[in-house]
Amino acid sequence: RHGVLVKEGDALERLARVRVVAFDKTGTLTRGTPGVAHVHSALPELAPQQLHLLTAAAERRSEHPLGKAIVRDAGTRDIPEAEDFRMLPGRGVSARVDGHALLAGNPALLQDNGIALSPTDKEEAQRALDAGQSLVYVALDGHFAGFIALADSLRNTAAATLQGLRDAGVSTMLLTGDNEAAARSVSAGLALDGVRANCLPADKLEWIADSQRQERPVCMIGDGINDSPALSAANVGVAISDGAAIAREIADITIAAENLFELVALRRIARGLMSRINSNYRFVIGFNGSLIGLGVAGVLAPATSAMMHNLSTLGISLRSMTNLIDSSETTRLLESR
């Protein structure tokens, strides 16, 4: 009913104990369908349109939302074939296109390969970053070739989801590989307790481990290949249904992409489940203990005691089959936000 797939029962038990929910940005809090806003070429002989096509060729097999957007916005134009494609987790991609060695990714990828930007290129990039855009930097044959700036938008239910989680007493955190400006642009107006930008997969793992050492169980929500290690390391991993297949495989829970607010319902279901389990446990121990005591004292006949035991079991089973939360209340809460 809520569009949530839970792979194993103890995932809900772990979710009930979670104190921090960490979100990826692109494809999770945002729609994951960014558009190309600007293409900057740093080489006089390379037109922006050609840079776009070369990058699209390298990104054609990428599962990252930014890579998919570059390919999608290249349209029906002739995209060249790429060879020797490699995914570089937390960095970007590499490939050979039209005889050129092409790198496309974040600043860490350029730094790892000793590629520097000129002051003019840095100024152009900073203007795009200040506008809250995400950049894919491109290098050809070991030289900086330019960047592609992309803009994304928040999911409709992102703000309501974060506020709903905070109202439930859960801290919220944004862990993104994007730059500080892009992270601030997305987090503005959201009920986030913290933001960490420029995160590599290892940085997300380190943050999750630190929280767990402080006895703060973490739920990680993401959609991409880069999020997979964090989804695995978190106490509970939640994947977005239209994300990468490996993320859905690793995660304990999968939710529908169109309605993040189901996270709030899922948290309430988990807490309701644990409350019902504990309530049933206390009742069973108390009621059966009373039956044993009354039987030993001779107050209840064995047949009466057996009948009351079986009736109580039937009653608990019927009660446990009722809904854990009121779905209409969840809908009302979403509409009110």
C-alpha atoms as a PDB file:
ATOM      1  CA  ARG A   1       0.000   0.000   0.000  1.00  0.00           C
ATOM      2  CA  HIS A   2       2.847   2.427   0.719  1.00  0.00           C
ATOM      3  CA  GLY A   3       5.066   1.415  -2.205  1.00  0.00           C
ATOM      4  CA  VAL A   4       7.786   0.054   0.095  1.00  0.00           C
ATOM      5  CA  LEU A   5       9.652  -3.258  -0.357  1.00  0.00           C
ATOM      6  CA  VAL A   6      11.226  -4.640   2.839  1.00  0.00           C
ATOM      7  CA  LYS A   7      13.540  -7.578   2.198  1.00  0.00           C
ATOM      8  CA  GLU A   8      13.819  -8.920   5.735  1.00  0.00           C
ATOM      9  CA  GLY A   9      11.859  -8.449   8.945  1.00  0.00           C
ATOM     10  CA  ASP A  10      14.722  -7.350  11.152  1.00  0.00           C
ATOM     11  CA  ALA A  11      15.288  -4.343   8.863  1.00  0.00           C
ATOM     12  CA  LEU A  12      12.157  -2.814  10.417  1.00  0.00           C
ATOM     13  CA  GLU A  13      13.444  -3.631  13.903  1.00  0.00           C
ATOM     14  CA  ARG A  14      16.726  -1.861  13.084  1.00  0.00           C
ATOM     15  CA  LEU A  15      14.875   1.078  11.526  1.00  0.00           C
ATOM     16  CA  ALA A  16      12.898   1.583  14.736  1.00  0.00           C
ATOM     17  CA  ARG A  17      16.207   2.177  16.569  1.00  0.00           C
ATOM     18  CA  VAL A  18      17.661   4.583  13.979  1.00  0.00           C
ATOM     19  CA  ARG A  19      18.529   8.042  15.273  1.00  0.00           C
ATOM     20  CA  VAL A  20      20.062   9.576  12.121  1.00  0.00           C
ATOM     21  CA  VAL A  21      18.878   9.452   8.504  1.00  0.00           C
ATOM     22  CA  ALA A  22      21.544  10.356   5.925  1.00  0.00           C
ATOM     23  CA  PHE A  23      20.567  11.317   2.378  1.00  0.00           C
ATOM     24  CA  ASP A  24      22.484  11.345  -0.864  1.00  0.00           C
ATOM     25  CA  LYS A  25      21.626  14.394  -2.997  1.00  0.00           C
ATOM     26  CA  THR A  26      21.477  13.678  -6.725  1.00  0.00           C
ATOM     27  CA  GLY A  27      18.694  11.247  -7.550  1.00  0.00           C
ATOM     28  CA  THR A  28      17.567  11.013  -3.920  1.00  0.00           C
ATOM     29  CA  LEU A  29      16.580  14.423  -2.543  1.00  0.00           C
ATOM     30  CA  THR A  30      16.584  15.777  -6.089  1.00  0.00           C
ATOM     31  CA  ARG A  31      14.706  14.303  -9.022  1.00  0.00           C
ATOM     32  CA  GLY A  32      17.858  12.845 -10.510  1.00  0.00           C
ATOM     33  CA  THR A  33      16.936  14.238 -13.932  1.00  0.00           C
ATOM     34  CA  PRO A  34      19.161  17.319 -14.160  1.00  0.00           C
ATOM     35  CA  GLY A  35      19.504  19.222 -17.381  1.00  0.00           C
ATOM     36  CA  VAL A  36      22.560  20.691 -19.063  1.00  0.00           C
ATOM     37  CA  ALA A  37      22.560  24.393 -18.268  1.00  0.00           C
ATOM     38  CA  HIS A  38      25.879  25.423 -19.807  1.00  0.00           C
ATOM     39  CA  VAL A  39      28.887  23.926 -21.624  1.00  0.00           C
ATOM     40  CA  HIS A  40      32.242  25.662 -21.230  1.00  0.00           C
ATOM     41  CA  SER A  41      35.100  24.727 -23.542  1.00  0.00           C
ATOM     42  CA  ALA A  42      38.620  25.591 -22.431  1.00  0.00           C
ATOM     43  CA  LEU A  43      40.173  24.750 -25.813  1.00  0.00           C
ATOM     44  CA  PRO A  44      39.814  27.260 -28.703  1.00  0.00           C
ATOM     45  CA  GLU A  45      39.718  24.477 -31.284  1.00  0.00           C
ATOM     46  CA  LEU A  46      36.938  22.600 -29.442  1.00  0.00           C
ATOM     47  CA  ALA A  47      33.384  23.942 -29.797  1.00  0.00           C
ATOM     48  CA  PRO A  48      31.070  23.521 -26.778  1.00  0.00           C
ATOM     49  CA  GLN A  49      28.768  21.318 -28.865  1.00  0.00           C
ATOM     50  CA  GLN A  50      31.668  18.999 -29.735  1.00  0.00           C
ATOM     51  CA  LEU A  51      32.775  18.842 -26.099  1.00  0.00           C
ATOM     52  CA  HIS A  52      29.211  17.860 -25.160  1.00  0.00           C
ATOM     53  CA  LEU A  53      29.161  15.053 -27.744  1.00  0.00           C
ATOM     54  CA  LEU A  54      32.563  13.670 -26.718  1.00  0.00           C
ATOM     55  CA  THR A  55      31.530  13.658 -23.066  1.00  0.00           C
ATOM     56  CA  ALA A  56      28.195  12.031 -23.905  1.00  0.00           C
ATOM     57  CA  ALA A  57      30.071   9.237 -25.663  1.00  0.00           C
ATOM     58  CA  ALA A  58      32.107   8.532 -22.524  1.00  0.00           C
ATOM     59  CA  GLU A  59      29.062   8.792 -20.229  1.00  0.00           C
ATOM     60  CA  ARG A  60      26.775   6.588 -22.346  1.00  0.00           C
ATOM     61  CA  ARG A  61      27.358   3.536 -20.113  1.00  0.00           C
ATOM     62  CA  SER A  62      27.427   5.489 -16.853  1.00  0.00           C
ATOM     63  CA  GLU A  63      24.634   4.980 -14.299  1.00  0.00           C
ATOM     64  CA  HIS A  64      25.209   8.307 -12.554  1.00  0.00           C
ATOM     65  CA  PRO A  65      22.299  10.771 -12.963  1.00  0.00           C
ATOM     66  CA  LEU A  66      24.647  13.520 -14.176  1.00  0.00           C
ATOM     67  CA  GLY A  67      26.110  11.230 -16.819  1.00  0.00           C
ATOM     68  CA  LYS A  68      22.657  10.155 -17.948  1.00  0.00           C
ATOM     69  CA  ALA A  69      21.607  13.805 -18.214  1.00  0.00           C
ATOM     70  CA  ILE A  70      24.583  14.649 -20.417  1.00  0.00           C
ATOM     71  CA  VAL A  71      23.699  11.788 -22.770  1.00  0.00           C
ATOM     72  CA  ARG A  72      19.989  12.640 -22.760  1.00  0.00           C
ATOM     73  CA  ASP A  73      20.568  16.318 -23.530  1.00  0.00           C
ATOM     74  CA  ALA A  74      22.902  15.454 -26.375  1.00  0.00           C
ATOM     75  CA  GLY A  75      19.646  14.566 -28.149  1.00  0.00           C
ATOM     76  CA  THR A  76      19.587  12.834 -31.500  1.00  0.00           C
ATOM     77  CA  ARG A  77      22.911  14.228 -32.640  1.00  0.00           C
ATOM     78  CA  ASP A  78      25.603  11.761 -33.706  1.00  0.00           C
ATOM     79  CA  ILE A  79      27.351  10.634 -30.535  1.00  0.00           C
ATOM     80  CA  PRO A  80      30.683   8.941 -31.318  1.00  0.00           C
ATOM     81  CA  GLU A  81      31.514   5.463 -30.068  1.00  0.00           C
ATOM     82  CA  ALA A  82      33.629   5.085 -26.934  1.00  0.00           C
ATOM     83  CA  GLU A  83      36.211   2.385 -26.212  1.00  0.00           C
ATOM     84  CA  ASP A  84      37.962   1.216 -23.050  1.00  0.00           C
ATOM     85  CA  PHE A  85      35.163   2.568 -20.844  1.00  0.00           C
ATOM     86  CA  ARG A  86      35.828   2.479 -17.088  1.00  0.00           C
ATOM     87  CA  MET A  87      33.746   3.565 -14.141  1.00  0.00           C
ATOM     88  CA  LEU A  88      35.877   5.288 -11.495  1.00  0.00           C
ATOM     89  CA  PRO A  89      33.805   5.143  -8.269  1.00  0.00           C
ATOM     90  CA  GLY A  90      33.681   8.473  -6.512  1.00  0.00           C
ATOM     91  CA  ARG A  91      35.583  10.123  -9.366  1.00  0.00           C
ATOM     92  CA  GLY A  92      33.796   9.760 -12.726  1.00  0.00           C
ATOM     93  CA  VAL A  93      34.517   7.833 -15.930  1.00  0.00           C
ATOM     94  CA  SER A  94      37.325   7.332 -18.418  1.00  0.00           C
ATOM     95  CA  ALA A  95      37.153   6.229 -22.032  1.00  0.00           C
ATOM     96  CA  ARG A  96      38.803   6.586 -25.425  1.00  0.00           C
ATOM     97  CA  VAL A  97      36.674   8.656 -27.833  1.00  0.00           C
ATOM     98  CA  ASP A  98      37.681   9.559 -31.400  1.00  0.00           C
ATOM     99  CA  GLY A  99      41.239   8.594 -30.595  1.00  0.00           C
ATOM    100  CA  HIS A 100      41.382  10.825 -27.500  1.00  0.00           C
ATOM    101  CA  ALA A 101      41.828   9.713 -23.884  1.00  0.00           C
ATOM    102  CA  LEU A 102      38.874  11.348 -22.151  1.00  0.00           C
ATOM    103  CA  LEU A 103      38.223  11.809 -18.446  1.00  0.00           C
ATOM    104  CA  ALA A 104      34.905  13.135 -17.132  1.00  0.00           C
ATOM    105  CA  GLY A 105      34.124  13.591 -13.450  1.00  0.00           C
ATOM    106  CA  ASN A 106      34.762  15.672 -10.352  1.00  0.00           C
ATOM    107  CA  PRO A 107      37.797  17.766  -9.284  1.00  0.00           C
ATOM    108  CA  ALA A 108      39.320  14.743  -7.497  1.00  0.00           C
ATOM    109  CA  LEU A 109      39.574  12.970 -10.864  1.00  0.00           C
ATOM    110  CA  LEU A 110      41.525  15.894 -12.354  1.00  0.00           C
ATOM    111  CA  GLN A 111      43.740  16.123  -9.282  1.00  0.00           C
ATOM    112  CA  ASP A 112      44.534  12.406  -9.397  1.00  0.00           C
ATOM    113  CA  ASN A 113      45.713  12.846 -12.989  1.00  0.00           C
ATOM    114  CA  GLY A 114      47.690  16.042 -12.412  1.00  0.00           C
ATOM    115  CA  ILE A 115      45.342  18.201 -14.507  1.00  0.00           C
ATOM    116  CA  ALA A 116      45.002  21.857 -13.515  1.00  0.00           C
ATOM    117  CA  LEU A 117      42.576  24.638 -14.498  1.00  0.00           C
ATOM    118  CA  SER A 118      43.687  28.055 -15.671  1.00  0.00           C
ATOM    119  CA  PRO A 119      42.577  31.098 -13.615  1.00  0.00           C
ATOM    120  CA  THR A 120      39.997  31.960 -16.291  1.00  0.00           C
ATOM    121  CA  ASP A 121      38.562  28.445 -16.212  1.00  0.00           C
ATOM    122  CA  LYS A 122      38.435  28.535 -12.406  1.00  0.00           C
ATOM    123  CA  GLU A 123      36.452  31.783 -12.532  1.00  0.00           C
ATOM    124  CA  GLU A 124      33.981  30.298 -15.035  1.00  0.00           C
ATOM    125  CA  ALA A 125      33.569  27.187 -12.887  1.00  0.00           C
ATOM    126  CA  GLN A 126      33.088  29.239  -9.724  1.00  0.00           C
ATOM    127  CA  ARG A 127      30.306  31.272 -11.319  1.00  0.00           C
ATOM    128  CA  ALA A 128      28.459  28.066 -12.170  1.00  0.00           C
ATOM    129  CA  LEU A 129      29.057  26.670  -8.679  1.00  0.00           C
ATOM    130  CA  ASP A 130      27.780  29.847  -7.039  1.00  0.00           C
ATOM    131  CA  ALA A 131      24.599  29.414  -9.056  1.00  0.00           C
ATOM    132  CA  GLY A 132      24.120  26.010  -7.399  1.00  0.00           C
ATOM    133  CA  GLN A 133      24.942  24.019 -10.518  1.00  0.00           C
ATOM    134  CA  SER A 134      26.788  20.687 -10.522  1.00  0.00           C
ATOM    135  CA  LEU A 135      29.857  20.445 -12.748  1.00  0.00           C
ATOM    136  CA  VAL A 136      31.292  17.549 -14.724  1.00  0.00           C
ATOM    137  CA  TYR A 137      34.909  18.400 -15.534  1.00  0.00           C
ATOM    138  CA  VAL A 138      36.360  17.047 -18.780  1.00  0.00           C
ATOM    139  CA  ALA A 139      39.965  16.391 -19.796  1.00  0.00           C
ATOM    140  CA  LEU A 140      41.309  15.295 -23.191  1.00  0.00           C
ATOM    141  CA  ASP A 141      44.721  13.661 -23.561  1.00  0.00           C
ATOM    142  CA  GLY A 142      45.852  14.901 -20.165  1.00  0.00           C
ATOM    143  CA  HIS A 143      44.738  18.537 -20.653  1.00  0.00           C
ATOM    144  CA  PHE A 144      41.720  20.301 -19.198  1.00  0.00           C
ATOM    145  CA  ALA A 145      39.079  20.619 -21.933  1.00  0.00           C
ATOM    146  CA  GLY A 146      36.199  22.302 -20.122  1.00  0.00           C
ATOM    147  CA  PHE A 147      33.168  21.463 -18.026  1.00  0.00           C
ATOM    148  CA  ILE A 148      29.466  20.789 -18.357  1.00  0.00           C
ATOM    149  CA  ALA A 149      27.209  22.529 -15.826  1.00  0.00           C
ATOM    150  CA  LEU A 150      23.962  20.825 -14.851  1.00  0.00           C
ATOM    151  CA  ALA A 151      21.017  21.962 -12.743  1.00  0.00           C
ATOM    152  CA  ASP A 152      18.584  19.732 -10.838  1.00  0.00           C
ATOM    153  CA  SER A 153      15.425  20.319  -8.815  1.00  0.00           C
ATOM    154  CA  LEU A 154      14.197  18.955  -5.491  1.00  0.00           C
ATOM    155  CA  ARG A 155      11.597  16.223  -5.348  1.00  0.00           C
ATOM    156  CA  ASN A 156       8.169  17.595  -4.428  1.00  0.00           C
ATOM    157  CA  THR A 157       8.043  15.700  -1.131  1.00  0.00           C
ATOM    158  CA  ALA A 158      11.662  16.298  -0.029  1.00  0.00           C
ATOM    159  CA  ALA A 159      10.947  19.185   2.359  1.00  0.00           C
ATOM    160  CA  ALA A 160       7.913  17.466   3.921  1.00  0.00           C
ATOM    161  CA  THR A 161       9.889  14.250   4.362  1.00  0.00           C
ATOM    162  CA  LEU A 162      12.781  15.904   6.174  1.00  0.00           C
ATOM    163  CA  GLN A 163      10.447  17.870   8.443  1.00  0.00           C
ATOM    164  CA  GLY A 164       8.411  14.731   9.146  1.00  0.00           C
ATOM    165  CA  LEU A 165      11.537  12.838  10.172  1.00  0.00           C
ATOM    166  CA  ARG A 166      12.637  15.668  12.447  1.00  0.00           C
ATOM    167  CA  ASP A 167       9.170  15.762  14.023  1.00  0.00           C
ATOM    168  CA  ALA A 168       9.628  12.037  14.728  1.00  0.00           C
ATOM    169  CA  GLY A 169      12.841  12.797  16.632  1.00  0.00           C
ATOM    170  CA  VAL A 170      15.264  11.692  13.910  1.00  0.00           C
ATOM    171  CA  SER A 171      18.282  13.789  12.885  1.00  0.00           C
ATOM    172  CA  THR A 172      18.804  14.340   9.143  1.00  0.00           C
ATOM    173  CA  MET A 173      22.084  14.658   7.248  1.00  0.00           C
ATOM    174  CA  LEU A 174      23.047  15.381   3.626  1.00  0.00           C
ATOM    175  CA  LEU A 175      26.088  13.486   2.307  1.00  0.00           C
ATOM    176  CA  THR A 176      26.892  14.524  -1.252  1.00  0.00           C
ATOM    177  CA  GLY A 177      29.807  14.314  -3.625  1.00  0.00           C
ATOM    178  CA  ASP A 178      28.854  17.711  -5.033  1.00  0.00           C
ATOM    179  CA  ASN A 179      30.551  20.955  -4.078  1.00  0.00           C
ATOM    180  CA  GLU A 180      29.636  23.193  -1.142  1.00  0.00           C
ATOM    181  CA  ALA A 181      27.670  25.681  -3.262  1.00  0.00           C
ATOM    182  CA  ALA A 182      25.524  22.980  -4.871  1.00  0.00           C
ATOM    183  CA  ALA A 183      24.941  21.376  -1.469  1.00  0.00           C
ATOM    184  CA  ARG A 184      23.908  24.720   0.046  1.00  0.00           C
ATOM    185  CA  SER A 185      21.609  25.413  -2.892  1.00  0.00           C
ATOM    186  CA  VAL A 186      19.750  22.138  -2.323  1.00  0.00           C
ATOM    187  CA  SER A 187      19.745  22.312   1.474  1.00  0.00           C
ATOM    188  CA  ALA A 188      18.342  25.865   1.589  1.00  0.00           C
ATOM    189  CA  GLY A 189      14.890  25.704   3.163  1.00  0.00           C
ATOM    190  CA  LEU A 190      15.185  22.035   4.115  1.00  0.00           C
ATOM    191  CA  ALA A 191      15.080  20.828   7.705  1.00  0.00           C
ATOM    192  CA  LEU A 192      18.586  19.350   7.641  1.00  0.00           C
ATOM    193  CA  ASP A 193      20.703  19.047  10.780  1.00  0.00           C
ATOM    194  CA  GLY A 194      23.961  18.841   8.835  1.00  0.00           C
ATOM    195  CA  VAL A 195      25.517  18.953   5.369  1.00  0.00           C
ATOM    196  CA  ARG A 196      28.768  17.411   4.133  1.00  0.00           C
ATOM    197  CA  ALA A 197      29.869  18.194   0.585  1.00  0.00           C
ATOM    198  CA  ASN A 198      32.664  16.814  -1.622  1.00  0.00           C
ATOM    199  CA  CYS A 199      32.124  13.342  -0.144  1.00  0.00           C
ATOM    200  CA  LEU A 200      33.781  10.360  -1.782  1.00  0.00           C
ATOM    201  CA  PRO A 201      32.333   6.892  -1.025  1.00  0.00           C
ATOM    202  CA  ALA A 202      35.050   6.447   1.616  1.00  0.00           C
ATOM    203  CA  ASP A 203      34.038   9.742   3.271  1.00  0.00           C
ATOM    204  CA  LYS A 204      30.437   8.565   3.575  1.00  0.00           C
ATOM    205  CA  LEU A 205      31.641   5.310   5.114  1.00  0.00           C
ATOM    206  CA  GLU A 206      33.798   7.219   7.601  1.00  0.00           C
ATOM    207  CA  TRP A 207      30.883   9.452   8.645  1.00  0.00           C
ATOM    208  CA  ILE A 208      28.591   6.443   9.139  1.00  0.00           C
ATOM    209  CA  ALA A 209      31.256   4.635  11.188  1.00  0.00           C
ATOM    210  CA  ASP A 210      31.743   7.728  13.392  1.00  0.00           C
ATOM    211  CA  SER A 211      27.993   7.935  14.070  1.00  0.00           C
ATOM    212  CA  GLN A 212      27.831   4.244  14.909  1.00  0.00           C
ATOM    213  CA  ARG A 213      30.770   4.573  17.302  1.00  0.00           C
ATOM    214  CA  GLN A 214      28.763   7.297  19.056  1.00  0.00           C
ATOM    215  CA  GLU A 215      25.896   4.776  19.361  1.00  0.00           C
ATOM    216  CA  ARG A 216      23.783   6.668  16.861  1.00  0.00           C
ATOM    217  CA  PRO A 217      22.333   4.054  14.454  1.00  0.00           C
ATOM    218  CA  VAL A 218      22.216   5.344  10.871  1.00  0.00           C
ATOM    219  CA  CYS A 219      19.787   4.858   8.013  1.00  0.00           C
ATOM    220  CA  MET A 220      21.393   5.692   4.643  1.00  0.00           C
ATOM    221  CA  ILE A 221      19.242   6.574   1.633  1.00  0.00           C
ATOM    222  CA  GLY A 222      20.753   6.624  -1.851  1.00  0.00           C
ATOM    223  CA  ASP A 223      20.309   5.570  -5.433  1.00  0.00           C
ATOM    224  CA  GLY A 224      23.671   5.212  -7.158  1.00  0.00           C
ATOM    225  CA  ILE A 225      26.666   2.916  -7.447  1.00  0.00           C
ATOM    226  CA  ASN A 226      28.701   5.345  -5.338  1.00  0.00           C
ATOM    227  CA  ASP A 227      26.146   5.004  -2.512  1.00  0.00           C
ATOM    228  CA  SER A 228      26.360   1.199  -2.399  1.00  0.00           C
ATOM    229  CA  PRO A 229      29.194   0.952   0.193  1.00  0.00           C
ATOM    230  CA  ALA A 230      27.344   3.373   2.492  1.00  0.00           C
ATOM    231  CA  LEU A 231      24.059   1.487   2.033  1.00  0.00           C
ATOM    232  CA  SER A 232      25.834  -1.704   3.058  1.00  0.00           C
ATOM    233  CA  ALA A 233      27.630  -0.178   6.066  1.00  0.00           C
ATOM    234  CA  ALA A 234      24.604   1.645   7.517  1.00  0.00           C
ATOM    235  CA  ASN A 235      22.367  -0.003  10.107  1.00  0.00           C
ATOM    236  CA  VAL A 236      19.596   0.229   7.517  1.00  0.00           C
ATOM    237  CA  GLY A 237      20.102   0.852   3.794  1.00  0.00           C
ATOM    238  CA  VAL A 238      17.231   2.321   1.768  1.00  0.00           C
ATOM    239  CA  ALA A 239      17.427   2.494  -2.040  1.00  0.00           C
ATOM    240  CA  ILE A 240      15.338   4.537  -4.468  1.00  0.00           C
ATOM    241  CA  SER A 241      13.346   2.320  -6.841  1.00  0.00           C
ATOM    242  CA  ASP A 242      14.610   3.983 -10.036  1.00  0.00           C
ATOM    243  CA  GLY A 243      18.248   3.983  -8.907  1.00  0.00           C
ATOM    244  CA  ALA A 244      21.131   1.698  -9.844  1.00  0.00           C
ATOM    245  CA  ALA A 245      20.475  -2.044  -9.722  1.00  0.00           C
ATOM    246  CA  ILE A 246      23.411  -2.683  -7.378  1.00  0.00           C
ATOM    247  CA  ALA A 247      22.044  -0.143  -4.877  1.00  0.00           C
ATOM    248  CA  ARG A 248      18.649  -1.885  -4.862  1.00  0.00           C
ATOM    249  CA  GLU A 249      20.375  -5.261  -4.456  1.00  0.00           C
ATOM    250  CA  ILE A 250      22.443  -4.157  -1.451  1.00  0.00           C
ATOM    251  CA  ALA A 251      19.758  -2.128   0.347  1.00  0.00           C
ATOM    252  CA  ASP A 252      17.498  -3.633   3.014  1.00  0.00           C
ATOM    253  CA  ILE A 253      14.519  -1.567   1.848  1.00  0.00           C
ATOM    254  CA  THR A 254      13.431  -0.054  -1.475  1.00  0.00           C
ATOM    255  CA  ILE A 255      11.002   2.865  -1.707  1.00  0.00           C
ATOM    256  CA  ALA A 256       9.186   4.402  -4.653  1.00  0.00           C
ATOM    257  CA  ALA A 257      11.053   7.370  -6.093  1.00  0.00           C
ATOM    258  CA  GLU A 258       8.000   9.564  -6.588  1.00  0.00           C
ATOM    259  CA  ASN A 259       7.123   9.828  -2.897  1.00  0.00           C
ATOM    260  CA  LEU A 260       9.929  10.248  -0.377  1.00  0.00           C
ATOM    261  CA  PHE A 261       7.341  10.891   2.336  1.00  0.00           C
ATOM    262  CA  GLU A 262       6.874   7.123   2.555  1.00  0.00           C
ATOM    263  CA  LEU A 263      10.053   7.247   4.669  1.00  0.00           C
ATOM    264  CA  VAL A 264       8.012   8.957   7.374  1.00  0.00           C
ATOM    265  CA  ALA A 265       5.306   6.288   7.089  1.00  0.00           C
ATOM    266  CA  LEU A 266       7.977   3.573   7.130  1.00  0.00           C
ATOM    267  CA  ARG A 267       9.510   4.966  10.315  1.00  0.00           C
ATOM    268  CA  ARG A 268       6.064   5.029  11.948  1.00  0.00           C
ATOM    269  CA  ILE A 269       5.418   1.456  10.798  1.00  0.00           C
ATOM    270  CA  ALA A 270       8.746   0.324  12.291  1.00  0.00           C
ATOM    271  CA  ARG A 271       8.061   2.031  15.622  1.00  0.00           C
ATOM    272  CA  GLY A 272       4.495   0.692  15.638  1.00  0.00           C
ATOM    273  CA  LEU A 273       5.758  -2.813  14.913  1.00  0.00           C
ATOM    274  CA  MET A 274       8.208  -2.792  17.822  1.00  0.00           C
ATOM    275  CA  SER A 275       5.576  -1.333  20.143  1.00  0.00           C
ATOM    276  CA  ARG A 276       3.152  -4.113  19.195  1.00  0.00           C
ATOM    277  CA  ILE A 277       5.786  -6.850  19.579  1.00  0.00           C
ATOM    278  CA  ASN A 278       6.700  -5.603  23.062  1.00  0.00           C
ATOM    279  CA  SER A 279       3.043  -5.210  24.030  1.00  0.00           C
ATOM    280  CA  ASN A 280       2.232  -8.759  22.854  1.00  0.00           C
ATOM    281  CA  TYR A 281       5.246 -10.131  24.682  1.00  0.00           C
ATOM    282  CA  ARG A 282       4.265  -8.483  27.965  1.00  0.00           C
ATOM    283  CA  PHE A 283       0.668  -9.686  27.634  1.00  0.00           C
ATOM    284  CA  VAL A 284       1.652 -13.283  26.831  1.00  0.00           C
ATOM    285  CA  ILE A 285       4.059 -13.501  29.786  1.00  0.00           C
ATOM    286  CA  GLY A 286       1.615 -11.858  32.180  1.00  0.00           C
ATOM    287  CA  PHE A 287      -1.509 -13.741  31.058  1.00  0.00           C
ATOM    288  CA  ASN A 288       0.084 -17.186  30.789  1.00  0.00           C
ATOM    289  CA  GLY A 289       1.912 -16.656  34.076  1.00  0.00           C
ATOM    290  CA  SER A 290      -1.434 -15.881  35.700  1.00  0.00           C
ATOM    291  CA  LEU A 291      -2.998 -19.017  34.188  1.00  0.00           C
ATOM    292  CA  ILE A 292      -0.162 -21.142  35.535  1.00  0.00           C
ATOM    293  CA  GLY A 293      -0.490 -19.595  39.001  1.00  0.00           C
ATOM    294  CA  LEU A 294      -4.275 -20.027  39.108  1.00  0.00           C
ATOM    295  CA  GLY A 295      -3.918 -23.591  37.835  1.00  0.00           C
ATOM    296  CA  VAL A 296      -1.381 -24.477  40.522  1.00  0.00           C
ATOM    297  CA  ALA A 297      -3.638 -22.907  43.173  1.00  0.00           C
ATOM    298  CA  GLY A 298      -6.550 -25.052  41.965  1.00  0.00           C
ATOM    299  CA  VAL A 299      -8.672 -22.045  40.975  1.00  0.00           C
ATOM    300  CA  LEU A 300      -8.803 -22.993  37.277  1.00  0.00           C
ATOM    301  CA  ALA A 301      -9.454 -26.422  35.885  1.00  0.00           C
ATOM    302  CA  PRO A 302      -6.978 -27.668  33.246  1.00  0.00           C
ATOM    303  CA  ALA A 303      -9.629 -27.545  30.495  1.00  0.00           C
ATOM    304  CA  THR A 304     -10.550 -23.945  31.388  1.00  0.00           C
ATOM    305  CA  SER A 305      -6.898 -22.909  31.504  1.00  0.00           C
ATOM    306  CA  ALA A 306      -6.231 -24.506  28.084  1.00  0.00           C
ATOM    307  CA  MET A 307      -9.283 -22.806  26.561  1.00  0.00           C
ATOM    308  CA  MET A 308      -8.290 -19.370  27.912  1.00  0.00           C
ATOM    309  CA  HIS A 309      -4.724 -19.851  26.670  1.00  0.00           C
ATOM    310  CA  ASN A 310      -5.901 -20.695  23.140  1.00  0.00           C
ATOM    311  CA  LEU A 311      -8.438 -17.848  23.096  1.00  0.00           C
ATOM    312  CA  SER A 312      -5.754 -15.371  24.153  1.00  0.00           C
ATOM    313  CA  THR A 313      -3.463 -16.669  21.371  1.00  0.00           C
ATOM    314  CA  LEU A 314      -6.261 -16.221  18.840  1.00  0.00           C
ATOM    315  CA  GLY A 315      -6.995 -12.712  20.128  1.00  0.00           C
ATOM    316  CA  ILE A 316      -3.333 -11.648  19.915  1.00  0.00           C
ATOM    317  CA  SER A 317      -3.066 -13.084  16.393  1.00  0.00           C
ATOM    318  CA  LEU A 318      -6.155 -11.182  15.212  1.00  0.00           C
ATOM    319  CA  ARG A 319      -4.919  -7.944  16.806  1.00  0.00           C
ATOM    320  CA  SER A 320      -1.497  -8.374  15.155  1.00  0.00           C
ATOM    321  CA  MET A 321      -3.158  -8.563  11.734  1.00  0.00           C
ATOM    322  CA  THR A 322      -4.565  -5.023  12.012  1.00  0.00           C
ATOM    323  CA  ASN A 323      -2.794  -2.021  10.450  1.00  0.00           C
ATOM    324  CA  LEU A 324       0.149  -0.622  12.370  1.00  0.00           C
ATOM    325  CA  ILE A 325      -0.597   2.966  11.301  1.00  0.00           C
ATOM    326  CA  ASP A 326      -3.527   4.921   9.928  1.00  0.00           C
ATOM    327  CA  SER A 327      -2.756   5.442   6.237  1.00  0.00           C
ATOM    328  CA  SER A 328      -5.235   8.312   5.990  1.00  0.00           C
ATOM    329  CA  GLU A 329      -3.331  10.175   8.719  1.00  0.00           C
ATOM    330  CA  THR A 330      -0.088   9.830   6.737  1.00  0.00           C
ATOM    331  CA  THR A 331      -1.829  11.241   3.664  1.00  0.00           C
ATOM    332  CA  ARG A 332      -3.255  14.098   5.707  1.00  0.00           C
ATOM    333  CA  LEU A 333       0.173  14.942   7.127  1.00  0.00           C
ATOM    334  CA  LEU A 334       1.675  15.079   3.626  1.00  0.00           C
ATOM    335  CA  GLU A 335      -1.126  17.248   2.301  1.00  0.00           C
ATOM    336  CA  SER A 336      -0.774  19.628   5.239  1.00  0.00           C
ATOM    337  CA  ARG A 337       2.857  20.298   4.260  1.00  0.00           C
END
